[in-house]
N, C-alpha and C. Protein backbone atom coordinates (compact mmCIF):
# COMPACT_ATOMS: atom_id res chain seq x y z
N UNK A 1 19.25 16.77 17.03
CA UNK A 1 18.70 16.95 15.72
C UNK A 1 19.56 16.03 14.83
N UNK A 2 19.14 15.65 13.75
CA UNK A 2 19.83 14.92 12.69
C UNK A 2 19.65 15.52 11.40
N UNK A 3 20.82 15.60 10.53
CA UNK A 3 20.76 16.49 9.26
C UNK A 3 20.46 15.25 8.18
N UNK A 4 20.35 15.84 6.86
CA UNK A 4 20.18 14.89 5.70
C UNK A 4 21.13 13.99 5.59
N UNK A 5 22.42 14.29 5.90
CA UNK A 5 23.64 13.30 5.68
C UNK A 5 23.45 12.37 6.58
N UNK A 6 23.03 12.46 7.79
CA UNK A 6 22.81 11.39 8.70
C UNK A 6 21.77 10.49 8.25
N UNK A 7 20.62 11.13 7.76
CA UNK A 7 19.51 10.33 7.33
C UNK A 7 19.97 9.50 6.21
N UNK A 8 20.66 10.10 5.32
CA UNK A 8 21.31 9.38 4.12
C UNK A 8 21.91 8.08 4.53
N UNK A 9 22.85 8.36 5.32
CA UNK A 9 23.77 7.23 5.97
C UNK A 9 22.87 6.11 6.33
N UNK A 10 21.85 6.36 7.33
CA UNK A 10 21.00 5.49 7.96
C UNK A 10 20.34 4.63 6.80
N UNK A 11 19.95 5.30 5.68
CA UNK A 11 19.24 4.75 4.67
C UNK A 11 20.22 3.72 3.88
N UNK A 12 21.35 4.26 3.81
CA UNK A 12 22.58 3.27 2.88
C UNK A 12 22.85 2.01 3.93
N UNK A 13 22.84 2.31 5.20
CA UNK A 13 22.96 1.03 6.03
C UNK A 13 21.84 0.02 6.02
N UNK A 14 20.63 0.65 6.04
CA UNK A 14 19.24 -0.02 6.04
C UNK A 14 19.46 -1.01 4.67
N UNK A 15 20.01 -0.21 3.50
CA UNK A 15 19.86 -0.87 2.08
C UNK A 15 20.88 -2.14 2.25
N UNK A 16 21.87 -2.08 3.10
CA UNK A 16 22.79 -3.40 3.06
C UNK A 16 22.41 -4.40 3.99
N UNK A 17 21.20 -4.30 4.96
CA UNK A 17 20.84 -5.24 5.78
C UNK A 17 19.25 -5.76 5.54
N UNK A 18 18.53 -4.89 4.88
CA UNK A 18 17.29 -5.42 4.63
C UNK A 18 17.23 -6.55 3.55
N UNK A 19 16.42 -7.65 3.85
CA UNK A 19 16.51 -8.80 2.89
C UNK A 19 15.79 -8.99 1.87
N UNK A 20 14.70 -7.83 1.62
CA UNK A 20 14.01 -7.95 0.47
C UNK A 20 13.89 -6.31 -0.19
N UNK A 21 13.02 -6.23 -1.19
CA UNK A 21 12.91 -4.95 -1.87
C UNK A 21 11.76 -4.23 -0.96
N UNK A 22 12.15 -2.77 -0.77
CA UNK A 22 11.20 -2.13 0.00
C UNK A 22 11.10 -0.63 -0.28
N UNK A 23 9.82 -0.16 -0.59
CA UNK A 23 9.69 1.21 -0.93
C UNK A 23 9.30 2.08 0.45
N UNK A 24 10.18 3.15 0.67
CA UNK A 24 9.64 4.16 1.91
C UNK A 24 9.16 5.30 1.29
N UNK A 25 8.20 5.79 1.95
CA UNK A 25 7.52 7.29 1.69
C UNK A 25 7.87 8.09 2.85
N UNK A 26 8.80 9.18 2.61
CA UNK A 26 8.77 9.89 3.72
C UNK A 26 7.70 11.18 3.74
N UNK A 27 7.12 11.16 4.87
CA UNK A 27 5.99 12.15 5.07
C UNK A 27 6.19 13.36 5.97
N UNK A 28 7.46 13.24 6.60
CA UNK A 28 7.51 14.58 7.50
C UNK A 28 8.62 15.31 7.48
N UNK A 29 9.27 15.55 8.62
CA UNK A 29 10.55 16.24 8.68
C UNK A 29 11.61 15.93 7.78
N UNK A 30 11.82 14.49 7.75
CA UNK A 30 12.58 13.85 6.89
C UNK A 30 12.62 14.35 5.61
N UNK A 31 11.44 14.28 4.99
CA UNK A 31 11.30 14.74 3.73
C UNK A 31 11.61 16.20 3.53
N UNK A 32 11.00 16.95 4.36
CA UNK A 32 11.37 18.41 4.43
C UNK A 32 12.93 18.70 4.58
N UNK A 33 13.71 17.92 5.18
CA UNK A 33 15.05 18.05 5.30
C UNK A 33 15.85 17.77 3.77
N UNK A 34 15.23 16.55 3.20
CA UNK A 34 15.63 16.45 1.84
C UNK A 34 15.46 17.46 0.93
N UNK A 35 14.23 18.17 1.11
CA UNK A 35 13.93 19.13 0.14
C UNK A 35 14.50 20.60 0.48
N UNK A 36 15.38 20.60 1.50
CA UNK A 36 16.00 21.71 1.94
C UNK A 36 15.14 22.79 2.62
N UNK A 37 14.08 22.13 3.27
CA UNK A 37 13.26 23.06 3.83
C UNK A 37 13.62 23.23 5.55
N UNK A 38 14.28 22.17 5.92
CA UNK A 38 14.63 22.08 7.29
C UNK A 38 16.09 21.53 7.26
N UNK A 39 16.85 22.13 8.37
CA UNK A 39 18.26 21.82 8.25
C UNK A 39 18.34 20.36 9.00
N UNK A 40 17.46 20.03 9.87
CA UNK A 40 17.58 18.77 10.76
C UNK A 40 16.33 18.41 11.14
N UNK A 41 16.20 17.05 11.66
CA UNK A 41 14.87 16.64 12.13
C UNK A 41 15.29 15.75 13.30
N UNK A 42 14.34 15.36 14.08
CA UNK A 42 14.52 14.71 15.52
C UNK A 42 14.25 13.23 15.04
N UNK A 43 13.36 12.93 13.92
CA UNK A 43 13.03 11.62 13.62
C UNK A 43 12.64 11.40 12.21
N UNK A 44 12.53 10.47 11.62
CA UNK A 44 11.78 10.08 10.24
C UNK A 44 10.72 9.36 10.27
N UNK A 45 9.52 10.18 9.63
CA UNK A 45 8.26 9.54 9.50
C UNK A 45 8.20 8.86 8.18
N UNK A 46 7.96 7.46 8.08
CA UNK A 46 7.89 6.87 6.92
C UNK A 46 6.64 6.08 6.80
N UNK A 47 6.30 5.87 5.53
CA UNK A 47 5.00 4.86 5.26
C UNK A 47 5.58 3.95 4.43
N UNK A 48 5.23 2.51 4.68
CA UNK A 48 5.48 1.47 3.82
C UNK A 48 4.08 0.95 3.50
N UNK A 49 3.98 0.27 2.52
CA UNK A 49 2.56 -0.21 2.00
C UNK A 49 2.07 -1.46 2.28
N UNK A 50 2.82 -2.23 3.05
CA UNK A 50 2.37 -3.62 3.42
C UNK A 50 2.99 -4.05 4.87
N UNK A 51 2.53 -4.98 5.62
CA UNK A 51 2.70 -5.37 6.87
C UNK A 51 4.20 -6.07 6.51
N UNK A 52 4.37 -6.86 5.36
CA UNK A 52 5.55 -7.46 5.03
C UNK A 52 6.73 -6.46 5.08
N UNK A 53 6.54 -5.30 4.16
CA UNK A 53 7.45 -4.39 4.13
C UNK A 53 7.81 -3.96 5.51
N UNK A 54 6.82 -3.68 6.41
CA UNK A 54 7.23 -3.09 7.97
C UNK A 54 8.16 -4.29 8.64
N UNK A 55 7.67 -5.47 8.35
CA UNK A 55 8.60 -6.60 9.13
C UNK A 55 9.92 -6.58 8.51
N UNK A 56 10.14 -6.46 7.22
CA UNK A 56 11.56 -6.27 6.75
C UNK A 56 12.26 -5.17 7.17
N UNK A 57 11.57 -3.88 7.28
CA UNK A 57 12.19 -2.68 7.93
C UNK A 57 12.44 -3.04 9.44
N UNK A 58 11.53 -3.70 10.18
CA UNK A 58 11.98 -3.75 11.60
C UNK A 58 13.07 -4.84 11.82
N UNK A 59 13.27 -5.76 11.15
CA UNK A 59 14.31 -6.85 11.10
C UNK A 59 15.66 -6.21 10.85
N UNK A 60 15.66 -5.36 9.72
CA UNK A 60 17.00 -4.54 9.31
C UNK A 60 17.48 -3.65 10.39
N UNK A 61 16.18 -2.76 10.87
CA UNK A 61 16.59 -1.67 11.86
C UNK A 61 17.11 -2.38 13.30
N UNK A 62 16.72 -3.52 13.73
CA UNK A 62 17.04 -4.29 14.64
C UNK A 62 18.48 -4.48 14.44
N UNK A 63 18.75 -5.17 13.34
CA UNK A 63 20.37 -5.46 12.99
C UNK A 63 21.13 -4.33 13.03
N UNK A 64 20.53 -3.02 12.93
CA UNK A 64 21.56 -1.84 12.95
C UNK A 64 21.46 -1.13 14.18
N UNK A 65 20.81 -1.99 15.28
CA UNK A 65 21.06 -1.68 16.67
C UNK A 65 19.76 -0.69 17.26
N UNK A 66 18.77 -0.57 16.58
CA UNK A 66 17.37 0.10 16.75
C UNK A 66 16.75 -0.79 17.79
N UNK A 67 16.18 -0.36 18.81
CA UNK A 67 15.21 -0.74 19.70
C UNK A 67 13.93 -0.15 19.83
N UNK A 68 12.84 -0.78 20.41
CA UNK A 68 11.45 0.01 20.57
C UNK A 68 11.53 0.58 21.93
N UNK A 69 11.45 1.94 21.85
CA UNK A 69 11.54 2.96 22.79
C UNK A 69 10.17 2.95 23.68
N UNK A 70 10.02 3.62 25.04
CA UNK A 70 8.84 3.70 25.62
C UNK A 70 8.13 5.04 25.04
N UNK A 71 6.87 5.00 24.76
CA UNK A 71 6.25 5.99 23.80
C UNK A 71 5.19 6.60 24.61
N UNK A 72 5.09 7.96 24.61
CA UNK A 72 4.16 8.71 25.45
C UNK A 72 3.84 10.06 24.71
N UNK A 73 2.67 10.64 25.21
CA UNK A 73 2.31 12.09 24.68
C UNK A 73 1.98 12.02 23.18
N UNK A 74 2.33 12.94 22.67
CA UNK A 74 1.87 13.28 21.18
C UNK A 74 2.20 11.94 20.22
N UNK A 75 3.38 11.40 20.68
CA UNK A 75 4.00 10.26 19.79
C UNK A 75 2.91 9.11 19.74
N UNK A 76 2.40 8.75 21.11
CA UNK A 76 1.55 7.94 21.13
C UNK A 76 0.27 8.06 20.31
N UNK A 77 -0.24 9.18 20.46
CA UNK A 77 -1.52 9.67 19.55
C UNK A 77 -1.26 9.47 18.13
N UNK A 78 -0.05 9.52 17.71
CA UNK A 78 0.13 9.41 16.36
C UNK A 78 -0.19 7.99 15.75
N UNK A 79 -0.25 6.89 16.58
CA UNK A 79 -0.65 5.68 16.23
C UNK A 79 0.03 4.98 15.22
N UNK A 80 1.54 5.14 15.40
CA UNK A 80 2.48 4.54 14.35
C UNK A 80 2.44 2.96 14.51
N UNK A 81 2.48 2.47 13.60
CA UNK A 81 2.57 0.93 13.52
C UNK A 81 3.83 0.35 14.29
N UNK A 82 4.89 1.24 14.19
CA UNK A 82 6.09 0.89 14.79
C UNK A 82 6.81 1.99 15.08
N UNK A 83 7.48 2.09 16.14
CA UNK A 83 8.57 3.13 16.52
C UNK A 83 9.77 2.50 16.94
N UNK A 84 10.95 2.84 16.39
CA UNK A 84 12.33 2.39 16.78
C UNK A 84 13.29 3.48 16.80
N UNK A 85 14.15 3.33 17.81
CA UNK A 85 15.23 4.28 18.25
C UNK A 85 16.45 4.00 18.14
N UNK A 86 17.59 4.42 17.78
CA UNK A 86 18.83 4.13 18.07
C UNK A 86 19.74 4.48 19.23
N UNK A 87 20.85 4.37 19.33
CA UNK A 87 21.69 4.99 20.52
C UNK A 87 21.82 6.47 20.52
N UNK A 88 21.80 6.86 19.16
CA UNK A 88 22.19 8.26 19.04
C UNK A 88 20.85 9.18 19.45
N UNK A 89 19.66 8.45 19.65
CA UNK A 89 18.26 9.05 19.80
C UNK A 89 17.70 9.38 18.63
N UNK A 90 18.11 8.71 17.38
CA UNK A 90 17.20 9.06 16.04
C UNK A 90 16.29 7.98 16.04
N UNK A 91 14.97 8.49 15.69
CA UNK A 91 13.87 7.60 15.83
C UNK A 91 13.24 7.47 14.35
N UNK A 92 12.59 6.28 14.12
CA UNK A 92 11.82 6.05 12.96
C UNK A 92 10.34 5.85 13.47
N UNK A 93 9.62 6.55 12.87
CA UNK A 93 8.03 6.42 12.90
C UNK A 93 7.62 5.87 11.83
N UNK A 94 7.17 4.52 11.98
CA UNK A 94 6.73 3.81 10.85
C UNK A 94 5.39 3.49 10.82
N UNK A 95 4.54 3.93 9.58
CA UNK A 95 3.24 3.69 9.35
C UNK A 95 3.03 2.68 8.24
N UNK A 96 1.89 1.76 8.39
CA UNK A 96 1.66 0.85 7.38
C UNK A 96 0.48 1.32 6.82
N UNK A 97 0.57 2.11 5.68
CA UNK A 97 -0.60 2.72 4.69
C UNK A 97 -1.41 3.80 5.68
N UNK A 98 -1.74 3.79 6.90
CA UNK A 98 -2.49 4.57 7.60
C UNK A 98 -1.83 5.30 8.63
N UNK A 99 -1.78 6.75 8.61
CA UNK A 99 -1.25 7.55 9.54
C UNK A 99 -2.10 8.32 10.45
N UNK A 100 -1.72 8.21 11.55
CA UNK A 100 -2.55 8.87 12.77
C UNK A 100 -3.99 8.19 12.96
N UNK A 101 -4.14 6.89 12.65
CA UNK A 101 -5.25 6.32 12.79
C UNK A 101 -6.42 6.40 11.91
N UNK A 102 -6.21 7.23 10.67
CA UNK A 102 -7.17 7.46 9.63
C UNK A 102 -6.54 7.95 8.31
N UNK A 103 -5.70 8.63 8.26
CA UNK A 103 -5.11 9.18 7.07
C UNK A 103 -4.47 8.38 6.33
N UNK A 104 -4.88 7.92 5.07
CA UNK A 104 -4.29 6.92 4.17
C UNK A 104 -3.19 7.50 3.30
N UNK A 105 -2.19 6.86 3.04
CA UNK A 105 -1.37 7.03 1.87
C UNK A 105 -2.04 6.56 0.74
N UNK A 106 -2.54 7.53 -0.12
CA UNK A 106 -3.43 7.32 -1.13
C UNK A 106 -2.65 7.06 -2.42
N UNK A 107 -3.32 6.53 -3.57
CA UNK A 107 -2.62 6.09 -4.52
C UNK A 107 -2.05 7.54 -5.26
N UNK A 108 -2.81 8.67 -5.33
CA UNK A 108 -2.74 9.72 -5.62
C UNK A 108 -1.26 10.36 -5.16
N UNK A 109 -1.16 10.18 -3.66
CA UNK A 109 -0.21 10.74 -2.90
C UNK A 109 1.10 10.00 -3.34
N UNK A 110 1.02 8.68 -3.69
CA UNK A 110 2.14 7.92 -3.99
C UNK A 110 2.65 8.38 -5.53
N UNK A 111 1.48 8.87 -6.40
CA UNK A 111 1.81 9.36 -7.74
C UNK A 111 2.53 10.70 -7.80
N UNK A 112 2.31 11.45 -6.62
CA UNK A 112 2.71 12.87 -6.46
C UNK A 112 4.28 12.79 -5.81
N UNK A 113 4.55 11.67 -5.32
CA UNK A 113 5.79 11.58 -4.54
C UNK A 113 6.94 11.50 -5.85
N UNK A 114 7.90 11.90 -5.13
CA UNK A 114 9.12 12.10 -6.03
C UNK A 114 10.27 11.18 -5.54
N UNK A 115 10.87 10.45 -6.58
CA UNK A 115 11.81 9.43 -6.09
C UNK A 115 13.06 10.29 -5.47
N UNK A 116 13.63 9.99 -4.30
CA UNK A 116 14.66 10.75 -3.78
C UNK A 116 15.88 9.98 -4.24
N UNK A 117 16.01 8.74 -3.94
CA UNK A 117 17.16 7.73 -4.39
C UNK A 117 16.80 6.43 -4.33
N UNK A 118 17.27 5.63 -5.02
CA UNK A 118 16.99 4.33 -5.02
C UNK A 118 18.37 3.54 -5.07
N UNK A 119 18.35 2.40 -4.01
CA UNK A 119 19.57 1.67 -4.00
C UNK A 119 19.16 0.34 -4.28
N UNK A 120 20.02 -0.82 -4.00
CA UNK A 120 20.09 -2.04 -4.20
C UNK A 120 18.40 -2.41 -3.74
N UNK A 121 18.13 -2.39 -2.61
CA UNK A 121 16.89 -2.81 -2.22
C UNK A 121 15.83 -1.80 -1.56
N UNK A 122 16.36 -0.80 -1.31
CA UNK A 122 15.75 0.20 -0.73
C UNK A 122 15.45 1.64 -1.66
N UNK A 123 14.19 1.89 -1.83
CA UNK A 123 13.98 2.99 -2.59
C UNK A 123 13.25 3.89 -1.78
N UNK A 124 13.69 5.28 -1.86
CA UNK A 124 13.22 6.25 -0.83
C UNK A 124 12.47 7.42 -1.57
N UNK A 125 11.19 7.70 -1.36
CA UNK A 125 10.31 8.74 -2.07
C UNK A 125 9.87 9.76 -1.07
N UNK A 126 9.89 10.97 -1.71
CA UNK A 126 9.32 12.07 -0.97
C UNK A 126 7.97 12.55 -1.33
N UNK A 127 6.92 12.65 -0.38
CA UNK A 127 5.67 12.89 -0.73
C UNK A 127 5.59 14.29 -1.07
N UNK A 128 4.61 14.91 -1.79
CA UNK A 128 4.59 16.33 -2.20
C UNK A 128 4.57 17.30 -0.87
N UNK A 129 4.89 18.55 -1.04
CA UNK A 129 4.67 19.31 -0.03
C UNK A 129 3.27 19.48 0.45
N UNK A 130 2.21 19.42 -0.51
CA UNK A 130 1.02 19.57 -0.24
C UNK A 130 0.44 18.36 0.74
N UNK A 131 0.97 17.23 0.43
CA UNK A 131 0.63 15.85 1.21
C UNK A 131 1.41 15.92 2.57
N UNK A 132 2.52 16.63 2.59
CA UNK A 132 3.15 16.67 3.93
C UNK A 132 2.17 17.79 4.79
N UNK A 133 1.74 18.79 4.12
CA UNK A 133 0.82 19.79 4.93
C UNK A 133 -0.26 18.94 5.49
N UNK A 134 -0.87 18.01 4.70
CA UNK A 134 -2.08 17.26 5.28
C UNK A 134 -1.66 16.48 6.33
N UNK A 135 -0.56 15.87 6.26
CA UNK A 135 -0.25 14.77 7.33
C UNK A 135 0.15 15.59 8.69
N UNK A 136 0.84 16.80 8.49
CA UNK A 136 1.04 17.55 9.55
C UNK A 136 -0.14 18.06 10.32
N UNK A 137 -1.14 18.30 9.53
CA UNK A 137 -2.49 18.97 9.99
C UNK A 137 -3.05 18.06 10.89
N UNK A 138 -2.76 16.67 11.01
CA UNK A 138 -3.55 15.81 11.78
C UNK A 138 -2.90 15.29 13.06
N UNK A 139 -1.56 16.08 13.30
CA UNK A 139 -0.91 15.64 14.62
C UNK A 139 -1.12 16.71 15.50
N UNK A 140 -0.80 16.47 16.74
CA UNK A 140 -0.82 17.41 17.94
C UNK A 140 0.40 18.05 18.30
N UNK A 141 1.56 17.91 17.56
CA UNK A 141 2.77 18.15 18.04
C UNK A 141 3.04 19.78 17.71
N UNK A 142 3.57 20.57 18.45
CA UNK A 142 3.67 21.88 18.23
C UNK A 142 4.76 22.08 16.92
N UNK A 143 5.74 21.38 16.95
CA UNK A 143 6.61 21.50 15.78
C UNK A 143 5.94 21.25 14.29
N UNK A 144 4.88 20.64 14.49
CA UNK A 144 4.22 20.24 13.15
C UNK A 144 3.46 21.65 12.72
N UNK A 145 3.05 22.30 13.61
CA UNK A 145 2.39 23.60 13.23
C UNK A 145 3.45 24.52 12.70
N UNK A 146 4.50 24.67 13.25
CA UNK A 146 5.54 25.26 12.57
C UNK A 146 5.75 24.83 11.23
N UNK A 147 5.91 23.61 11.18
CA UNK A 147 6.28 23.20 9.82
C UNK A 147 5.39 23.49 8.80
N UNK A 148 3.98 23.30 9.26
CA UNK A 148 2.77 23.66 8.29
C UNK A 148 3.03 25.14 7.65
N UNK A 149 3.56 26.01 8.66
CA UNK A 149 3.52 27.53 8.46
C UNK A 149 4.81 27.53 7.36
N UNK A 150 5.88 26.81 7.53
CA UNK A 150 6.89 26.88 6.57
C UNK A 150 6.52 26.36 5.28
N UNK A 151 5.79 25.31 5.26
CA UNK A 151 5.39 24.70 3.87
C UNK A 151 4.11 25.67 3.28
N UNK A 152 3.57 26.29 3.92
CA UNK A 152 2.62 27.46 3.42
C UNK A 152 3.39 28.34 2.78
N UNK A 153 4.54 28.91 3.38
CA UNK A 153 5.20 29.88 2.74
C UNK A 153 5.99 29.34 1.52
N UNK A 154 5.95 28.07 1.06
CA UNK A 154 6.59 27.60 -0.12
C UNK A 154 5.47 27.92 -1.29
N UNK A 155 4.33 27.95 -0.95
CA UNK A 155 3.41 28.15 -2.00
C UNK A 155 2.81 26.84 -2.56
N UNK A 156 1.62 26.54 -1.71
CA UNK A 156 0.89 25.16 -2.05
C UNK A 156 -0.09 25.25 -2.87
N UNK A 157 -0.45 24.21 -3.67
CA UNK A 157 -1.55 23.84 -4.50
C UNK A 157 -2.54 23.68 -3.61
N UNK A 158 -3.47 24.37 -3.32
CA UNK A 158 -4.51 24.19 -2.43
C UNK A 158 -5.57 23.45 -3.03
N UNK A 159 -5.61 23.37 -4.38
CA UNK A 159 -6.64 22.30 -5.23
C UNK A 159 -6.22 20.95 -4.85
N UNK A 160 -4.93 20.63 -4.87
CA UNK A 160 -4.37 19.38 -4.47
C UNK A 160 -4.83 18.92 -2.94
N UNK A 161 -4.55 19.96 -2.26
CA UNK A 161 -5.12 19.66 -0.76
C UNK A 161 -6.62 19.33 -0.53
N UNK A 162 -7.36 20.24 -1.36
CA UNK A 162 -8.69 20.11 -1.14
C UNK A 162 -9.22 18.69 -1.74
N UNK A 163 -8.57 18.43 -2.98
CA UNK A 163 -9.07 17.11 -3.50
C UNK A 163 -8.79 16.03 -2.78
N UNK A 164 -7.41 16.08 -2.17
CA UNK A 164 -7.16 14.79 -1.29
C UNK A 164 -8.02 14.85 -0.08
N UNK A 165 -8.17 15.83 0.69
CA UNK A 165 -8.96 15.86 1.56
C UNK A 165 -10.46 15.41 1.70
N UNK A 166 -10.97 15.82 0.30
CA UNK A 166 -12.22 14.97 -0.10
C UNK A 166 -12.20 13.73 -0.16
N UNK A 167 -11.18 13.27 -0.77
CA UNK A 167 -10.97 11.77 -1.07
C UNK A 167 -10.82 10.96 0.33
N UNK A 168 -10.06 11.56 1.15
CA UNK A 168 -9.71 11.14 2.50
C UNK A 168 -10.90 10.85 3.31
N UNK A 169 -11.98 12.07 3.13
CA UNK A 169 -13.09 12.20 3.94
C UNK A 169 -14.05 10.97 3.38
N UNK A 170 -14.17 10.75 2.01
CA UNK A 170 -14.88 9.76 1.60
C UNK A 170 -14.54 8.29 1.91
N UNK A 171 -13.13 8.15 1.84
CA UNK A 171 -12.42 6.93 2.29
C UNK A 171 -12.94 6.57 3.88
N UNK A 172 -13.01 7.65 4.59
CA UNK A 172 -13.15 7.35 6.03
C UNK A 172 -14.57 7.15 6.37
N UNK A 173 -15.37 7.74 5.50
CA UNK A 173 -17.14 7.46 5.43
C UNK A 173 -17.26 6.23 5.06
N UNK A 174 -16.57 5.87 4.01
CA UNK A 174 -17.02 4.27 3.70
C UNK A 174 -16.35 3.17 4.62
N UNK A 175 -15.27 3.53 5.28
CA UNK A 175 -14.78 2.62 6.28
C UNK A 175 -15.65 2.51 7.39
N UNK A 176 -16.47 3.40 7.98
CA UNK A 176 -17.15 3.36 8.97
C UNK A 176 -18.36 2.34 9.22
């Protein structure tokens, strides 16, 4: 497991190696770690807004020593655009706008996100607790159920969750 200091150091290394400006949106345990809801996480789930951003991220992570691991089980079902892991076993699950094959990083989610820190080339944003709850609800990993309970205990705005779910449902209907 990796604590928020480890995550921050990885972001700082990334900032020194990425060749263009990139905005990262933390959607899982990494975001919960930075919000002091978890002491540590196994991986970091991030969303980028474009394929170009993913390419910039991939190249920089490779320069940091990350490689693409063999993926199986629940991680394969999440349908990440890219998964990379380093020698320490720390993993980046990277999505381009769409998470788990259907849930989108909406403009409303981006507007609810809070800037965590901004460096020379990398800005890191945490999505809201309500949006983390939504993302966790579409996975099949046991630890995500535990995280949902922890999020629930924080006191969520279920109107935000309802409105976002309606929007997501409408978007998926239109895409079909």
